[in-house]
């Protein structure tokens, strides 16, 4: 990886030196951006790329917000990117001007994987149609309701049984957790769960891991700024693209098989069937966005994002419980008092478990899984904070600036469930909890993720006490990757059965 990046940067610098002979900084900027917010001076051709901390770019953004304020501009090559920081500025933009900021920013890696189709990368009417349909369909299949709860309980029970097989031995829970979460998504979009040995299931899980491995790497950051150059130099990128295409080929076969047997008079059994029925109903609509390309890319969006974000959070939750055994013990005490040992936890228990609810929220807040939301784009010329942001400008909402703001949290720099508890020990909601994003493009699967996090977390702690292979004070809880997202580091643990 480092060798590849060194080669990439060498090529980039060579291009920059040559370009200095014919392109000045002023000419490098496109007309129409004169009233953009201020920011650090960009270099010709490469912009602010060399100033970025490619392994932790969000920290650079946080530093710039202290210099330039809540709105500032960076240049990725010759493309301006406006960063919005702080709760009030994000509220004013993502909520107050939600429609204007609701476009999807150009992100070459996402565009390459989806070919420009699907709910994640679309904007305007296409996005509205796909999001409205997806929300309705997921709700019909029980997102946040009992049916999806039963599926999560099933996977949580299987995960508990898998952990039990290790007995007194230490193990790495990553693969098992990822498979369990992935199976929840598969039950929604494909109407079935898979055995861990299934070849297609292995392909799905491996593709998700490869995709986010690149997306969250310096290589992925470099590709998003210099896609043509980096795409030619990196074999790792090409390998990932091929793997994702194999997944889409599998999903296409699943959709084609359902199309042959689909009975429009019967209720759909999964997301694919629901989408195919919508394709049939909309086939005479000239503005119809329901086609195979949007179906396959939307399925990949749901599968990849739904698997990685939730599984990473669950893995990090166990790491934090090992780091803070006093918190783990208090959660288990609440589980014992409310749920007991004779039944599985249910989502209805959450209202009677304020401390556990606070712990889960604090895990998400302190983890800061997505420091910047997936890039937005202005759909029209937009005046904001006395600046003019032209139509089509990429906008980065800096969620990390809210989740770590000392003005909004009691103890923002440390893991502390008290951030979500009042003086009586009752759970307190906070508008500053933006772990799922903010505004019109907030996380599509938030309701489902909340169900999964509560049930997986409480089910595991109901049966096990988690211990690290090193003393708690020596346990490193810093993320392994801190780029596009913050991915928890790999670890081994002991799952000690509770009496």
Protein backbone atom coordinates (compact mmCIF):
# COMPACT_ATOMS: atom_id res chain seq x y z
CA UNK A 1 0.00 0.00 0.00
CA UNK A 2 2.69 2.52 1.01
CA UNK A 3 4.69 1.80 -2.14
CA UNK A 4 1.60 2.39 -4.28
CA UNK A 5 0.86 5.67 -2.52
CA UNK A 6 4.46 6.81 -2.90
CA UNK A 7 4.24 6.15 -6.63
CA UNK A 8 0.92 7.97 -6.84
CA UNK A 9 2.23 11.04 -5.07
CA UNK A 10 5.37 11.03 -7.22
CA UNK A 11 3.26 11.10 -10.36
CA UNK A 12 0.98 13.77 -8.93
CA UNK A 13 3.95 15.97 -8.01
CA UNK A 14 5.50 15.51 -11.43
CA UNK A 15 2.25 16.65 -13.04
CA UNK A 16 2.11 19.61 -10.68
CA UNK A 17 5.64 20.73 -11.58
CA UNK A 18 4.94 20.52 -15.30
CA UNK A 19 1.62 22.29 -14.89
CA UNK A 20 3.30 25.20 -13.10
CA UNK A 21 4.86 26.13 -16.43
CA UNK A 22 1.51 26.85 -18.03
CA UNK A 23 -1.21 27.20 -15.42
CA UNK A 24 -1.29 29.78 -12.66
CA UNK A 25 -3.34 29.41 -9.53
CA UNK A 26 -5.86 31.99 -10.70
CA UNK A 27 -6.43 30.27 -14.03
CA UNK A 28 -6.67 26.91 -12.29
CA UNK A 29 -9.83 28.01 -10.58
CA UNK A 30 -13.01 27.84 -12.58
CA UNK A 31 -15.05 30.98 -13.11
CA UNK A 32 -18.04 31.46 -10.84
CA UNK A 33 -16.39 30.55 -7.54
CA UNK A 34 -15.27 34.06 -6.56
CA UNK A 35 -17.71 34.31 -3.62
CA UNK A 36 -16.94 30.94 -2.06
CA UNK A 37 -16.06 30.80 1.66
CA UNK A 38 -12.35 31.34 2.48
CA UNK A 39 -9.88 28.53 3.02
CA UNK A 40 -6.22 27.55 2.78
CA UNK A 41 -4.45 28.52 -0.42
CA UNK A 42 -4.43 25.63 -2.92
CA UNK A 43 -1.49 24.60 -5.05
CA UNK A 44 -1.96 24.51 -8.82
CA UNK A 45 -3.50 21.31 -10.19
CA UNK A 46 -3.37 19.32 -6.94
CA UNK A 47 -5.22 21.85 -4.79
CA UNK A 48 -4.98 21.16 -1.05
CA UNK A 49 -4.26 17.46 -1.51
CA UNK A 50 -0.78 17.50 0.03
CA UNK A 51 -2.09 19.37 3.07
CA UNK A 52 -4.66 16.69 3.81
CA UNK A 53 -3.93 14.03 6.37
CA UNK A 54 -5.00 11.21 4.11
CA UNK A 55 -5.25 8.85 7.07
CA UNK A 56 -7.22 11.33 9.21
CA UNK A 57 -8.57 14.10 6.94
CA UNK A 58 -11.36 15.05 9.33
CA UNK A 59 -8.79 16.22 11.91
CA UNK A 60 -7.43 18.65 9.34
CA UNK A 61 -10.97 19.90 8.70
CA UNK A 62 -11.50 20.43 12.44
CA UNK A 63 -8.30 22.48 12.63
CA UNK A 64 -9.36 24.59 9.65
CA UNK A 65 -12.75 25.29 11.23
CA UNK A 66 -10.93 26.97 14.13
CA UNK A 67 -9.14 29.24 11.64
CA UNK A 68 -11.81 29.96 9.02
CA UNK A 69 -15.02 29.42 10.95
CA UNK A 70 -17.99 27.16 10.35
CA UNK A 71 -17.85 27.34 6.54
CA UNK A 72 -14.66 27.11 4.49
CA UNK A 73 -13.42 25.91 1.11
CA UNK A 74 -10.84 23.31 0.14
CA UNK A 75 -9.71 22.45 -3.37
CA UNK A 76 -9.46 18.81 -4.43
CA UNK A 77 -7.36 19.20 -7.57
CA UNK A 78 -9.22 22.03 -9.37
CA UNK A 79 -12.57 21.23 -7.76
CA UNK A 80 -13.81 23.28 -4.79
CA UNK A 81 -15.28 21.49 -1.78
CA UNK A 82 -17.15 23.46 0.87
CA UNK A 83 -16.91 22.09 4.42
CA UNK A 84 -19.67 22.94 6.89
CA UNK A 85 -18.76 22.60 10.56
CA UNK A 86 -20.59 23.04 13.87
CA UNK A 87 -24.13 22.27 14.97
CA UNK A 88 -25.72 25.59 14.09
CA UNK A 89 -24.20 25.81 10.60
CA UNK A 90 -25.15 22.19 9.87
CA UNK A 91 -28.67 22.79 11.15
CA UNK A 92 -29.03 25.94 9.06
CA UNK A 93 -27.79 24.18 5.91
CA UNK A 94 -28.98 20.58 6.14
CA UNK A 95 -32.34 21.43 7.72
CA UNK A 96 -32.96 25.12 7.01
CA UNK A 97 -31.86 24.78 3.36
CA UNK A 98 -32.41 21.05 3.09
CA UNK A 99 -33.61 21.03 -0.49
CA UNK A 100 -30.76 23.21 -1.76
CA UNK A 101 -28.14 20.99 -0.09
CA UNK A 102 -29.82 17.64 -0.84
CA UNK A 103 -27.80 16.70 -3.93
CA UNK A 104 -25.16 14.00 -3.88
CA UNK A 105 -21.62 15.21 -4.34
CA UNK A 106 -19.38 13.74 -6.99
CA UNK A 107 -17.34 10.98 -5.34
CA UNK A 108 -15.46 9.06 -8.05
CA UNK A 109 -15.12 5.84 -6.07
CA UNK A 110 -18.86 5.65 -5.41
CA UNK A 111 -19.65 6.56 -9.00
CA UNK A 112 -17.32 3.88 -10.33
CA UNK A 113 -18.83 1.15 -8.17
CA UNK A 114 -22.43 2.13 -8.94
CA UNK A 115 -21.99 3.39 -12.52
CA UNK A 116 -23.92 6.45 -11.39
CA UNK A 117 -27.07 4.49 -10.51
CA UNK A 118 -28.81 3.74 -7.21
CA UNK A 119 -30.06 5.65 -4.22
CA UNK A 120 -26.68 6.60 -2.75
CA UNK A 121 -25.25 8.60 -5.66
CA UNK A 122 -28.45 9.98 -7.20
CA UNK A 123 -29.86 13.48 -6.84
CA UNK A 124 -33.05 15.35 -7.62
CA UNK A 125 -36.16 13.50 -8.74
CA UNK A 126 -34.34 10.18 -9.22
CA UNK A 127 -33.16 10.23 -5.63
CA UNK A 128 -36.58 11.26 -4.32
CA UNK A 129 -38.30 8.41 -6.14
CA UNK A 130 -35.78 5.81 -4.98
CA UNK A 131 -35.64 7.05 -1.37
CA UNK A 132 -39.42 7.30 -1.04
CA UNK A 133 -39.82 3.78 -2.40
CA UNK A 134 -37.00 2.35 -0.27
CA UNK A 135 -38.31 3.87 2.95
CA UNK A 136 -41.83 2.64 2.26
CA UNK A 137 -40.66 -0.84 1.30
CA UNK A 138 -38.36 -1.25 4.29
CA UNK A 139 -41.16 -0.06 6.56
CA UNK A 140 -43.55 -2.57 4.99
CA UNK A 141 -41.03 -5.32 5.65
CA UNK A 142 -40.84 -4.30 9.28
CA UNK A 143 -38.02 -1.80 9.65
CA UNK A 144 -38.45 -0.88 13.30
CA UNK A 145 -41.34 -3.32 13.64
CA UNK A 146 -41.67 -6.79 15.08
CA UNK A 147 -40.89 -8.71 11.87
CA UNK A 148 -37.40 -7.25 11.53
CA UNK A 149 -36.99 -7.60 15.29
CA UNK A 150 -37.56 -11.34 14.98
CA UNK A 151 -34.92 -11.58 12.25
CA UNK A 152 -32.40 -9.70 14.38
CA UNK A 153 -33.20 -11.90 17.39
CA UNK A 154 -32.58 -14.98 15.26
CA UNK A 155 -29.19 -13.72 14.12
CA UNK A 156 -28.28 -12.59 17.65
CA UNK A 157 -29.06 -16.06 18.98
CA UNK A 158 -26.92 -17.67 16.27
CA UNK A 159 -24.10 -15.26 17.12
CA UNK A 160 -24.35 -16.17 20.82
CA UNK A 161 -24.11 -19.86 19.92
CA UNK A 162 -21.07 -19.19 17.73
CA UNK A 163 -19.29 -17.38 20.56
CA UNK A 164 -20.01 -20.27 22.92
CA UNK A 165 -18.02 -22.67 20.74
CA UNK A 166 -14.77 -20.96 21.72
CA UNK A 167 -15.08 -21.87 25.38
CA UNK A 168 -12.07 -20.57 27.28
CA UNK A 169 -10.13 -19.66 24.13
CA UNK A 170 -9.59 -16.15 22.83
CA UNK A 171 -11.03 -15.37 19.39
CA UNK A 172 -11.55 -12.57 16.91
CA UNK A 173 -15.30 -11.78 16.66
CA UNK A 174 -15.08 -9.70 13.48
CA UNK A 175 -16.10 -12.26 10.87
CA UNK A 176 -18.96 -13.70 12.92
CA UNK A 177 -20.42 -10.28 13.72
CA UNK A 178 -20.16 -9.17 10.09
CA UNK A 179 -21.89 -12.33 8.89
CA UNK A 180 -24.73 -11.93 11.39
CA UNK A 181 -25.40 -8.33 10.42
CA UNK A 182 -25.09 -9.13 6.72
CA UNK A 183 -27.69 -11.87 7.12
CA UNK A 184 -30.16 -9.38 8.56
CA UNK A 185 -29.78 -7.27 5.40
CA UNK A 186 -30.00 -10.37 3.19
CA UNK A 187 -33.28 -11.37 4.81
CA UNK A 188 -34.64 -7.96 3.85
CA UNK A 189 -33.38 -7.63 0.27
CA UNK A 190 -33.18 -11.32 -0.72
CA UNK A 191 -35.75 -12.86 1.58
CA UNK A 192 -33.32 -15.40 3.02
CA UNK A 193 -30.37 -15.92 5.32
CA UNK A 194 -27.23 -17.80 4.31
CA UNK A 195 -25.00 -20.31 6.02
CA UNK A 196 -21.49 -19.01 6.62
CA UNK A 197 -20.12 -21.68 4.26
CA UNK A 198 -22.29 -20.59 1.32
CA UNK A 199 -20.11 -19.45 -1.59
CA UNK A 200 -22.41 -16.58 -2.56
CA UNK A 201 -22.55 -15.36 1.03
CA UNK A 202 -18.76 -15.40 1.26
CA UNK A 203 -18.67 -13.31 -1.91
CA UNK A 204 -21.06 -10.75 -0.40
CA UNK A 205 -19.09 -10.42 2.84
CA UNK A 206 -15.70 -10.33 1.10
CA UNK A 207 -16.94 -7.65 -1.32
CA UNK A 208 -18.20 -5.44 1.52
CA UNK A 209 -14.89 -5.80 3.38
CA UNK A 210 -12.84 -5.06 0.24
CA UNK A 211 -15.01 -2.09 -0.70
CA UNK A 212 -14.79 -0.37 2.66
CA UNK A 213 -11.13 -1.29 2.99
CA UNK A 214 -10.41 0.80 -0.12
CA UNK A 215 -13.02 3.49 0.57
CA UNK A 216 -11.49 4.20 3.98
CA UNK A 217 -7.86 4.03 2.89
CA UNK A 218 -5.43 6.73 1.71
CA UNK A 219 -5.63 4.97 -1.64
CA UNK A 220 -9.36 5.65 -1.76
CA UNK A 221 -8.81 9.30 -0.84
CA UNK A 222 -6.24 9.65 -3.61
CA UNK A 223 -8.59 8.01 -6.13
CA UNK A 224 -11.39 10.42 -5.28
CA UNK A 225 -9.15 13.36 -6.13
CA UNK A 226 -7.15 11.87 -9.02
CA UNK A 227 -9.30 8.97 -10.31
CA UNK A 228 -7.64 8.57 -13.71
CA UNK A 229 -4.08 8.48 -12.42
CA UNK A 230 -4.72 6.34 -9.34
CA UNK A 231 -7.05 4.01 -11.25
CA UNK A 232 -4.27 3.18 -13.68
CA UNK A 233 -1.65 2.56 -10.98
CA UNK A 234 -3.51 0.50 -8.42
CA UNK A 235 -4.15 -3.21 -8.87
CA UNK A 236 -5.89 -3.28 -5.47
CA UNK A 237 -8.55 -0.92 -6.75
CA UNK A 238 -9.18 -2.97 -9.87
CA UNK A 239 -9.47 -6.14 -7.81
CA UNK A 240 -12.09 -4.52 -5.58
CA UNK A 241 -14.07 -3.25 -8.57
CA UNK A 242 -14.15 -6.77 -10.04
CA UNK A 243 -15.35 -8.26 -6.75
CA UNK A 244 -18.20 -5.78 -6.45
CA UNK A 245 -19.24 -6.46 -10.05
CA UNK A 246 -19.45 -10.18 -9.19
CA UNK A 247 -21.84 -9.32 -6.38
CA UNK A 248 -23.99 -7.26 -8.74
CA UNK A 249 -23.98 -10.16 -11.21
CA UNK A 250 -25.26 -12.43 -8.44
CA UNK A 251 -27.95 -9.92 -7.48
CA UNK A 252 -28.96 -9.62 -11.13
CA UNK A 253 -29.43 -13.39 -11.37
CA UNK A 254 -31.56 -13.29 -8.22
CA UNK A 255 -33.70 -10.51 -9.70
CA UNK A 256 -34.07 -12.27 -13.06
CA UNK A 257 -35.16 -15.48 -11.33
CA UNK A 258 -37.83 -13.62 -9.37
CA UNK A 259 -39.03 -11.82 -12.48
CA UNK A 260 -39.87 -15.16 -14.12
CA UNK A 261 -42.11 -16.26 -11.26
CA UNK A 262 -43.39 -12.91 -9.96
CA UNK A 263 -47.14 -12.82 -9.30
CA UNK A 264 -48.26 -9.17 -9.17
CA UNK A 265 -51.37 -10.15 -7.21
CA UNK A 266 -49.32 -11.42 -4.27
CA UNK A 267 -47.48 -9.25 -1.74
CA UNK A 268 -43.71 -9.08 -2.38
CA UNK A 269 -41.51 -11.28 -0.21
CA UNK A 270 -38.37 -9.13 -0.30
CA UNK A 271 -36.99 -5.83 -1.54
CA UNK A 272 -36.17 -7.24 -4.98
CA UNK A 273 -39.73 -8.40 -5.59
CA UNK A 274 -41.10 -5.07 -4.39
CA UNK A 275 -38.82 -3.20 -6.78
CA UNK A 276 -39.76 -5.48 -9.71
CA UNK A 277 -43.46 -4.88 -9.05
CA UNK A 278 -42.77 -1.15 -9.03
CA UNK A 279 -40.92 -1.50 -12.35
CA UNK A 280 -44.02 -3.10 -13.84
CA UNK A 281 -46.36 -0.46 -12.44
CA UNK A 282 -44.17 2.41 -13.65
CA UNK A 283 -43.26 1.05 -17.08
CA UNK A 284 -45.48 3.56 -18.91
CA UNK A 285 -44.28 6.51 -16.83
CA UNK A 286 -41.85 8.62 -18.94
CA UNK A 287 -40.11 9.79 -15.73
CA UNK A 288 -39.77 6.28 -14.40
CA UNK A 289 -36.55 5.63 -12.44
CA UNK A 290 -37.35 1.99 -11.65
CA UNK A 291 -35.02 -0.06 -13.83
CA UNK A 292 -32.45 -2.83 -13.43
CA UNK A 293 -29.51 -0.46 -13.14
CA UNK A 294 -31.06 1.43 -10.23
CA UNK A 295 -32.20 -1.82 -8.64
CA UNK A 296 -28.76 -3.45 -8.64
CA UNK A 297 -26.92 -0.39 -7.39
CA UNK A 298 -29.53 0.29 -4.70
CA UNK A 299 -29.25 -3.33 -3.53
CA UNK A 300 -25.48 -2.89 -3.29
CA UNK A 301 -25.94 0.39 -1.38
CA UNK A 302 -28.24 -1.29 1.17
CA UNK A 303 -26.07 -4.39 1.48
CA UNK A 304 -22.71 -2.65 1.85
CA UNK A 305 -23.69 0.29 4.05
CA UNK A 306 -26.08 -1.77 6.17
CA UNK A 307 -23.46 -4.43 6.84
CA UNK A 308 -20.34 -2.38 7.49
CA UNK A 309 -21.69 0.45 9.64
CA UNK A 310 -23.64 -1.72 12.08
CA UNK A 311 -21.06 -4.52 12.33
CA UNK A 312 -18.27 -2.00 12.97
CA UNK A 313 -20.31 -0.38 15.73
CA UNK A 314 -21.02 -3.72 17.41
CA UNK A 315 -17.35 -4.69 17.25
CA UNK A 316 -16.36 -1.37 18.77
CA UNK A 317 -19.01 -1.74 21.47
CA UNK A 318 -17.38 -4.94 22.74
CA UNK A 319 -13.98 -3.26 22.66
CA UNK A 320 -15.32 -0.43 24.82
CA UNK A 321 -16.92 -2.85 27.27
CA UNK A 322 -13.55 -4.53 27.75
CA UNK A 323 -11.91 -1.14 28.20
CA UNK A 324 -14.56 -0.08 30.74
CA UNK A 325 -15.54 -3.19 32.75
CA UNK A 326 -17.49 -1.03 35.23
CA UNK A 327 -19.79 0.10 32.42
CA UNK A 328 -20.16 -3.48 31.18
CA UNK A 329 -21.12 -4.60 34.69
CA UNK A 330 -23.72 -1.87 35.06
CA UNK A 331 -25.28 -2.71 31.68
CA UNK A 332 -25.47 -6.38 32.67
CA UNK A 333 -27.12 -5.42 35.96
CA UNK A 334 -29.81 -3.53 34.05
CA UNK A 335 -30.27 -6.46 31.66
CA UNK A 336 -30.71 -8.82 34.62
CA UNK A 337 -33.27 -6.55 36.27
CA UNK A 338 -35.36 -5.83 33.16
CA UNK A 339 -34.92 -8.89 30.92
CA UNK A 340 -33.63 -11.62 33.19
CA UNK A 341 -32.15 -14.83 31.84
CA UNK A 342 -35.27 -16.72 30.73
CA UNK A 343 -36.03 -14.76 27.56
CA UNK A 344 -34.32 -12.76 24.82
CA UNK A 345 -34.18 -8.97 25.02
CA UNK A 346 -36.82 -7.20 22.95
CA UNK A 347 -36.92 -3.71 21.54
CA UNK A 348 -39.75 -2.90 23.97
CA UNK A 349 -37.26 -3.32 26.83
CA UNK A 350 -35.28 -0.29 25.70
CA UNK A 351 -37.64 2.22 27.32
CA UNK A 352 -37.00 0.52 30.69
CA UNK A 353 -33.22 0.42 30.23
CA UNK A 354 -32.05 4.05 30.25
CA UNK A 355 -28.44 3.28 31.14
CA UNK A 356 -28.04 0.70 28.36
CA UNK A 357 -29.68 3.10 25.91
CA UNK A 358 -27.25 5.82 27.00
CA UNK A 359 -24.28 3.46 26.60
CA UNK A 360 -25.27 2.54 23.04
CA UNK A 361 -25.69 6.21 22.10
CA UNK A 362 -22.36 7.06 23.72
CA UNK A 363 -20.67 4.23 21.82
CA UNK A 364 -21.89 5.80 18.58
CA UNK A 365 -21.06 9.37 19.63
CA UNK A 366 -17.53 8.61 20.84
CA UNK A 367 -16.85 6.25 17.95
CA UNK A 368 -17.71 8.99 15.44
CA UNK A 369 -18.12 6.37 12.72
CA UNK A 370 -18.50 8.79 9.80
CA UNK A 371 -16.67 12.04 10.64
CA UNK A 372 -17.91 13.54 7.39
CA UNK A 373 -21.19 12.48 5.86
CA UNK A 374 -21.19 11.17 2.31
CA UNK A 375 -20.61 14.34 0.24
CA UNK A 376 -23.62 16.51 -0.59
CA UNK A 377 -24.04 18.84 -3.56
CA UNK A 378 -25.90 22.11 -4.02
CA UNK A 379 -28.78 21.76 -6.47
CA UNK A 380 -28.83 25.49 -7.24
CA UNK A 381 -26.83 28.63 -6.56
CA UNK A 382 -27.16 28.92 -2.79
CA UNK A 383 -26.45 31.86 -0.51
CA UNK A 384 -25.27 30.66 2.88
CA UNK A 385 -23.64 32.60 5.72
CA UNK A 386 -23.08 35.55 3.36
CA UNK A 387 -21.25 33.37 0.83
CA UNK A 388 -22.43 32.20 -2.58
CA UNK A 389 -22.07 28.49 -3.19
CA UNK A 390 -22.65 27.78 -6.89
CA UNK A 391 -24.91 25.04 -8.17
CA UNK A 392 -23.14 21.68 -8.33
CA UNK A 393 -20.58 22.44 -5.60
CA UNK A 394 -19.58 19.48 -3.40
CA UNK A 395 -20.36 20.03 0.28
CA UNK A 396 -18.92 18.05 3.19
CA UNK A 397 -20.99 18.09 6.42
CA UNK A 398 -18.43 17.71 9.23
CA UNK A 399 -20.46 15.60 11.67
CA UNK A 400 -17.42 15.10 13.88
CA UNK A 401 -17.49 18.80 14.78
CA UNK A 402 -20.88 18.25 16.46
CA UNK A 403 -20.19 14.91 18.11
CA UNK A 404 -17.03 16.24 19.79
CA UNK A 405 -18.16 19.78 20.64
CA UNK A 406 -17.42 20.56 24.34
CA UNK A 407 -20.32 23.05 24.32
CA UNK A 408 -22.77 20.27 23.55
CA UNK A 409 -21.50 17.36 25.65
CA UNK A 410 -20.57 16.92 29.31
CA UNK A 411 -17.42 14.98 28.55
CA UNK A 412 -16.82 14.95 24.76
CA UNK A 413 -13.24 13.67 24.70
CA UNK A 414 -13.89 10.45 26.62
CA UNK A 415 -16.32 7.56 26.59
CA UNK A 416 -18.92 8.62 29.14
CA UNK A 417 -22.57 7.42 29.14
CA UNK A 418 -23.40 10.39 31.39
CA UNK A 419 -23.52 12.43 28.18
CA UNK A 420 -27.01 10.92 27.67
CA UNK A 421 -28.26 10.77 31.26
CA UNK A 422 -29.88 13.38 33.49
CA UNK A 423 -29.32 13.80 37.21
CA UNK A 424 -31.96 11.13 37.89
CA UNK A 425 -30.28 8.58 35.64
CA UNK A 426 -32.92 8.83 32.92
CA UNK A 427 -32.04 8.78 29.24
CA UNK A 428 -31.87 12.20 27.61
CA UNK A 429 -32.19 12.72 23.86
CA UNK A 430 -29.92 15.26 22.22
CA UNK A 431 -30.34 17.09 18.92
CA UNK A 432 -26.54 17.06 18.74
CA UNK A 433 -26.54 13.28 18.30
CA UNK A 434 -25.94 13.30 14.54
CA UNK A 435 -24.34 9.86 14.19
CA UNK A 436 -26.91 9.02 11.50
CA UNK A 437 -26.46 12.30 9.67
CA UNK A 438 -28.75 15.29 9.42
CA UNK A 439 -31.46 16.52 7.09
CA UNK A 440 -33.00 15.04 3.98
CA UNK A 441 -30.07 12.69 3.30
CA UNK A 442 -29.79 11.30 6.81
CA UNK A 443 -29.17 7.55 7.00
CA UNK A 444 -31.92 5.60 5.23
CA UNK A 445 -31.55 2.62 7.57
CA UNK A 446 -31.45 4.48 10.89
CA UNK A 447 -34.52 2.76 12.35
CA UNK A 448 -33.21 -0.66 11.39
CA UNK A 449 -29.73 0.08 12.73
CA UNK A 450 -31.15 1.16 16.09
CA UNK A 451 -33.00 -2.15 16.42
CA UNK A 452 -29.90 -4.14 15.49
CA UNK A 453 -27.55 -2.29 17.82
CA UNK A 454 -29.83 -2.68 20.84
CA UNK A 455 -30.67 -6.34 20.30
CA UNK A 456 -27.19 -7.56 19.36
CA UNK A 457 -25.56 -5.59 22.17
CA UNK A 458 -27.95 -6.69 24.92
CA UNK A 459 -28.11 -10.30 23.71
CA UNK A 460 -24.33 -10.65 23.84
CA UNK A 461 -23.99 -9.03 27.25
CA UNK A 462 -26.89 -11.07 28.59
CA UNK A 463 -24.86 -14.25 28.14
CA UNK A 464 -21.22 -13.15 28.22
CA UNK A 465 -18.77 -10.93 30.03
CA UNK A 466 -16.12 -9.81 27.56
CA UNK A 467 -12.50 -9.73 28.61
CA UNK A 468 -9.48 -8.55 26.64
CA UNK A 469 -6.24 -10.46 26.17
CA UNK A 470 -4.43 -7.55 27.86
CA UNK A 471 -5.30 -5.46 30.95
CA UNK A 472 -7.97 -2.80 30.26
CA UNK A 473 -5.48 0.05 30.68
CA UNK A 474 -3.34 -1.43 27.88
CA UNK A 475 -6.21 -1.94 25.47
CA UNK A 476 -6.00 0.30 22.40
CA UNK A 477 -9.45 1.50 21.38
CA UNK A 478 -8.33 3.98 18.72
CA UNK A 479 -9.66 3.11 15.24
CA UNK A 480 -7.54 1.17 12.81
CA UNK A 481 -8.68 3.44 9.98
CA UNK A 482 -9.80 7.08 10.33
CA UNK A 483 -10.45 8.27 6.79
CA UNK A 484 -13.87 8.25 5.09
CA UNK A 485 -15.03 6.28 8.12
CA UNK A 486 -13.53 5.19 11.42
CA UNK A 487 -13.09 1.42 11.36
CA UNK A 488 -12.33 -0.33 14.69
CA UNK A 489 -9.08 -2.20 14.96
CA UNK A 490 -8.95 -5.97 14.92
CA UNK A 491 -8.74 -7.66 18.32
CA UNK A 492 -9.13 -10.95 20.14
CA UNK A 493 -11.27 -11.38 23.23
CA UNK A 494 -12.63 -13.88 25.71
CA UNK A 495 -16.39 -14.36 25.93
CA UNK A 496 -16.79 -15.54 29.52
CA UNK A 497 -20.19 -17.23 30.10
CA UNK A 498 -22.25 -15.58 32.81
CA UNK A 499 -23.57 -17.75 35.61
